[in-house]
Amino acid sequence: MAQIYLASSSPRRADLLRQIGISFEVVVPNVEETPLEGELPDTYARRISAVKARHVESHAAPHLPVLAADTVVVLQGGLMGKPRDRDDGLEMLALLSGNTHQVISAVSVCQGDLLQTVASETLVRFRKLTKDEREKYWQTGEPRDKAGGYGIQGLGAVFVESINGSYSGVVGLPLMQTAELLRRFGVDCLP
């Protein structure tokens, strides 16, 4: 029996929830994810996470908490979304090459009138990437649906020189923060 609704179609978030023993039912939110003019990356991730949770909560049976998340990649203050196409993906990888970027993952849980949101911030440093490496990585298909155009849990890990923060947050769901938040709603990861 499900303990929560997961407001996400991300297989990575589903895997992370399973890793900590949470049973869930997926309900995919249908929300606009465009940043507001002048919106800071942390504010954007928190807002989108909360909007996703509220959207699903308004369409699902009210007896279970709803968990939603949003992950953004930030380089020099600018948001890097999912690549629009090959050229955009290769450009993202070129920008990340040899640089440190920030990954912000916001998690929201709501049930009834109660909504709480937490976020994790992780610094990720990439080694220098050659043009050939960027092209080969794009051809694998892995970067196409990921913020920043890479997946740390997959082949993209070979580019990561160091991380300072939550590995699972970079994947898309910071587990320590998620477990703490779920506990506030009576959902225990250690039954």
Protein backbone atom coordinates (compact mmCIF):
# COMPACT_ATOMS: atom_id res chain seq x y z
CA MET A 1 0.00 0.00 0.00
CA ALA A 2 1.28 3.45 -0.92
CA GLN A 3 2.51 5.74 1.86
CA ILE A 4 2.59 8.86 -0.35
CA TYR A 5 1.80 10.20 -3.79
CA LEU A 6 4.92 11.02 -5.84
CA ALA A 7 4.27 14.06 -8.03
CA SER A 8 6.95 13.19 -10.58
CA SER A 9 7.52 11.08 -13.67
CA SER A 10 11.27 10.88 -12.93
CA PRO A 11 12.50 7.29 -12.72
CA ARG A 12 15.49 8.57 -10.71
CA ARG A 13 13.27 10.04 -7.99
CA ALA A 14 11.25 6.84 -7.88
CA ASP A 15 14.43 4.79 -7.47
CA LEU A 16 15.67 7.05 -4.67
CA LEU A 17 12.36 6.75 -2.79
CA ARG A 18 12.51 2.96 -3.12
CA GLN A 19 16.07 3.07 -1.79
CA ILE A 20 14.80 4.52 1.50
CA GLY A 21 11.86 2.15 1.72
CA ILE A 22 9.02 4.50 0.77
CA SER A 23 6.08 3.04 -1.13
CA PHE A 24 4.29 5.45 -3.43
CA GLU A 25 1.83 5.96 -6.23
CA VAL A 26 2.97 8.17 -9.11
CA VAL A 27 0.69 11.03 -10.14
CA VAL A 28 2.35 13.20 -12.78
CA PRO A 29 1.78 16.95 -12.31
CA ASN A 30 0.93 19.15 -15.26
CA VAL A 31 2.32 22.56 -14.36
CA GLU A 32 4.06 25.44 -16.12
CA GLU A 33 7.78 25.44 -15.23
CA THR A 34 8.89 28.80 -16.61
CA PRO A 35 10.97 31.00 -14.29
CA LEU A 36 9.44 34.34 -13.36
CA GLU A 37 11.33 37.45 -14.42
CA GLY A 38 14.14 38.11 -11.96
CA GLU A 39 13.38 34.96 -9.94
CA LEU A 40 16.40 33.56 -8.11
CA PRO A 41 17.26 29.88 -8.78
CA ASP A 42 16.57 28.78 -5.16
CA THR A 43 13.21 30.59 -5.16
CA TYR A 44 12.33 29.09 -8.54
CA ALA A 45 13.11 25.49 -7.46
CA ARG A 46 11.12 25.92 -4.23
CA ARG A 47 8.16 27.49 -6.05
CA ILE A 48 7.99 24.82 -8.77
CA SER A 49 8.31 22.02 -6.21
CA ALA A 50 5.43 23.47 -4.19
CA VAL A 51 3.27 24.07 -7.28
CA LYS A 52 3.76 20.45 -8.39
CA ALA A 53 2.79 19.15 -4.94
CA ARG A 54 -0.31 21.36 -4.71
CA HIS A 55 -1.38 20.44 -8.25
CA VAL A 56 -1.30 16.71 -7.51
CA GLU A 57 -2.83 17.21 -4.04
CA SER A 58 -5.80 18.96 -5.65
CA HIS A 59 -6.34 16.01 -8.04
CA ALA A 60 -5.59 13.03 -5.78
CA ALA A 61 -7.44 11.46 -2.89
CA PRO A 62 -6.72 13.54 0.22
CA HIS A 63 -5.65 10.78 2.59
CA LEU A 64 -1.95 10.57 1.57
CA PRO A 65 0.80 13.20 1.64
CA VAL A 66 2.07 14.36 -1.76
CA LEU A 67 5.82 14.67 -2.40
CA ALA A 68 7.18 16.73 -5.29
CA ALA A 69 10.66 17.93 -6.18
CA ASP A 70 12.44 20.20 -8.61
CA THR A 71 16.14 20.26 -9.45
CA VAL A 72 17.99 23.09 -11.13
CA VAL A 73 21.57 23.50 -12.27
CA VAL A 74 23.04 26.97 -11.78
CA LEU A 75 26.21 28.24 -13.41
CA GLN A 76 27.40 31.78 -12.64
CA GLY A 77 23.92 32.71 -11.39
CA GLY A 78 22.08 31.46 -14.50
CA LEU A 79 19.66 28.53 -14.68
CA MET A 80 20.52 25.64 -16.95
CA GLY A 81 17.42 23.66 -17.81
CA LYS A 82 17.12 20.53 -19.90
CA PRO A 83 18.79 20.77 -23.31
CA ARG A 84 16.45 21.88 -26.10
CA ASP A 85 18.48 20.02 -28.73
CA ARG A 86 21.94 18.69 -29.59
CA ASP A 87 23.55 22.13 -29.98
CA ASP A 88 22.12 23.33 -26.67
CA GLY A 89 23.28 20.15 -24.91
CA LEU A 90 26.81 20.43 -26.29
CA GLU A 91 26.94 24.10 -25.30
CA MET A 92 25.87 23.23 -21.74
CA LEU A 93 28.62 20.64 -21.45
CA ALA A 94 31.16 23.14 -22.80
CA LEU A 95 30.08 25.71 -20.20
CA LEU A 96 30.29 23.16 -17.36
CA SER A 97 33.74 21.95 -18.51
CA GLY A 98 36.43 22.91 -16.00
CA ASN A 99 33.96 24.84 -13.85
CA THR A 100 32.07 24.49 -10.59
CA HIS A 101 28.30 24.73 -10.72
CA GLN A 102 25.54 24.56 -8.15
CA VAL A 103 22.71 22.02 -8.07
CA ILE A 104 19.64 23.00 -6.08
CA SER A 105 17.00 20.36 -5.34
CA ALA A 106 13.83 21.51 -3.61
CA VAL A 107 11.41 19.02 -2.07
CA SER A 108 7.83 19.81 -1.06
CA VAL A 109 5.33 17.71 0.86
CA CYS A 110 1.73 18.75 1.26
CA GLN A 111 -1.36 17.29 2.81
CA GLY A 112 -4.53 19.30 3.28
CA ASP A 113 -3.68 22.84 4.38
CA LEU A 114 -0.11 21.96 5.31
CA LEU A 115 2.73 22.50 2.82
CA GLN A 116 6.43 22.38 3.70
CA THR A 117 9.43 22.80 1.41
CA VAL A 118 13.13 22.20 1.99
CA ALA A 119 16.09 22.46 -0.36
CA SER A 120 19.63 21.18 -0.69
CA GLU A 121 22.46 22.96 -2.45
CA THR A 122 25.44 21.04 -3.80
CA LEU A 123 28.55 22.29 -5.55
CA VAL A 124 29.74 20.09 -8.42
CA ARG A 125 33.08 20.57 -10.16
CA PHE A 126 33.63 19.22 -13.68
CA ARG A 127 37.05 18.40 -15.08
CA LYS A 128 37.94 19.81 -18.49
CA LEU A 129 36.04 18.03 -21.26
CA THR A 130 37.22 17.64 -24.83
CA LYS A 131 34.93 18.39 -27.75
CA ASP A 132 35.04 14.67 -28.66
CA GLU A 133 33.95 13.66 -25.12
CA ARG A 134 31.05 16.09 -25.18
CA GLU A 135 29.90 14.78 -28.56
CA LYS A 136 30.22 11.11 -27.56
CA TYR A 137 28.33 11.76 -24.33
CA TRP A 138 25.51 13.50 -26.18
CA GLN A 139 25.25 10.52 -28.54
CA THR A 140 24.57 8.18 -25.60
CA GLY A 141 21.19 9.89 -25.13
CA GLU A 142 21.73 10.26 -21.39
CA PRO A 143 21.91 14.08 -21.21
CA ARG A 144 18.73 14.77 -23.19
CA ASP A 145 16.23 14.88 -20.30
CA LYS A 146 18.40 16.17 -17.47
CA ALA A 147 18.89 19.64 -16.03
CA GLY A 148 22.33 20.87 -16.99
CA GLY A 149 22.57 18.21 -19.67
CA TYR A 150 24.21 15.47 -17.59
CA GLY A 151 23.41 12.64 -15.20
CA ILE A 152 25.76 12.15 -12.25
CA GLN A 153 24.25 8.70 -11.62
CA GLY A 154 25.20 7.53 -15.11
CA LEU A 155 27.99 8.09 -17.60
CA GLY A 156 28.14 11.76 -16.63
CA ALA A 157 29.89 10.69 -13.42
CA VAL A 158 33.17 10.42 -15.34
CA PHE A 159 33.20 14.23 -15.72
CA VAL A 160 32.72 15.00 -12.01
CA GLU A 161 35.96 15.95 -10.30
CA SER A 162 34.32 16.65 -6.92
CA ILE A 163 31.06 17.34 -5.14
CA ASN A 164 30.40 19.24 -1.95
CA GLY A 165 26.92 18.45 -0.66
CA SER A 166 24.22 15.88 -1.36
CA TYR A 167 24.93 13.32 -4.08
CA SER A 168 21.26 12.23 -4.09
CA GLY A 169 20.29 15.92 -4.38
CA VAL A 170 22.28 16.11 -7.61
CA VAL A 171 20.46 13.00 -8.85
CA GLY A 172 17.17 14.78 -8.10
CA LEU A 173 16.00 14.01 -4.55
CA PRO A 174 18.11 14.85 -1.49
CA LEU A 175 17.38 11.82 0.68
CA MET A 176 18.31 13.19 4.10
CA GLN A 177 16.11 16.25 3.64
CA THR A 178 13.35 14.15 2.08
CA ALA A 179 13.30 11.70 4.99
CA GLU A 180 13.20 14.55 7.52
CA LEU A 181 10.34 16.22 5.67
CA LEU A 182 8.34 13.00 5.32
CA ARG A 183 8.79 12.30 9.03
CA ARG A 184 7.02 15.62 9.77
CA PHE A 185 4.04 14.18 7.89
CA GLY A 186 4.08 10.89 9.78
CA VAL A 187 5.88 8.88 7.08
CA ASP A 188 8.89 7.02 8.49
CA CYS A 189 11.68 5.68 6.28
CA LEU A 190 12.71 3.30 9.06
CA PRO A 191 9.52 1.44 9.94
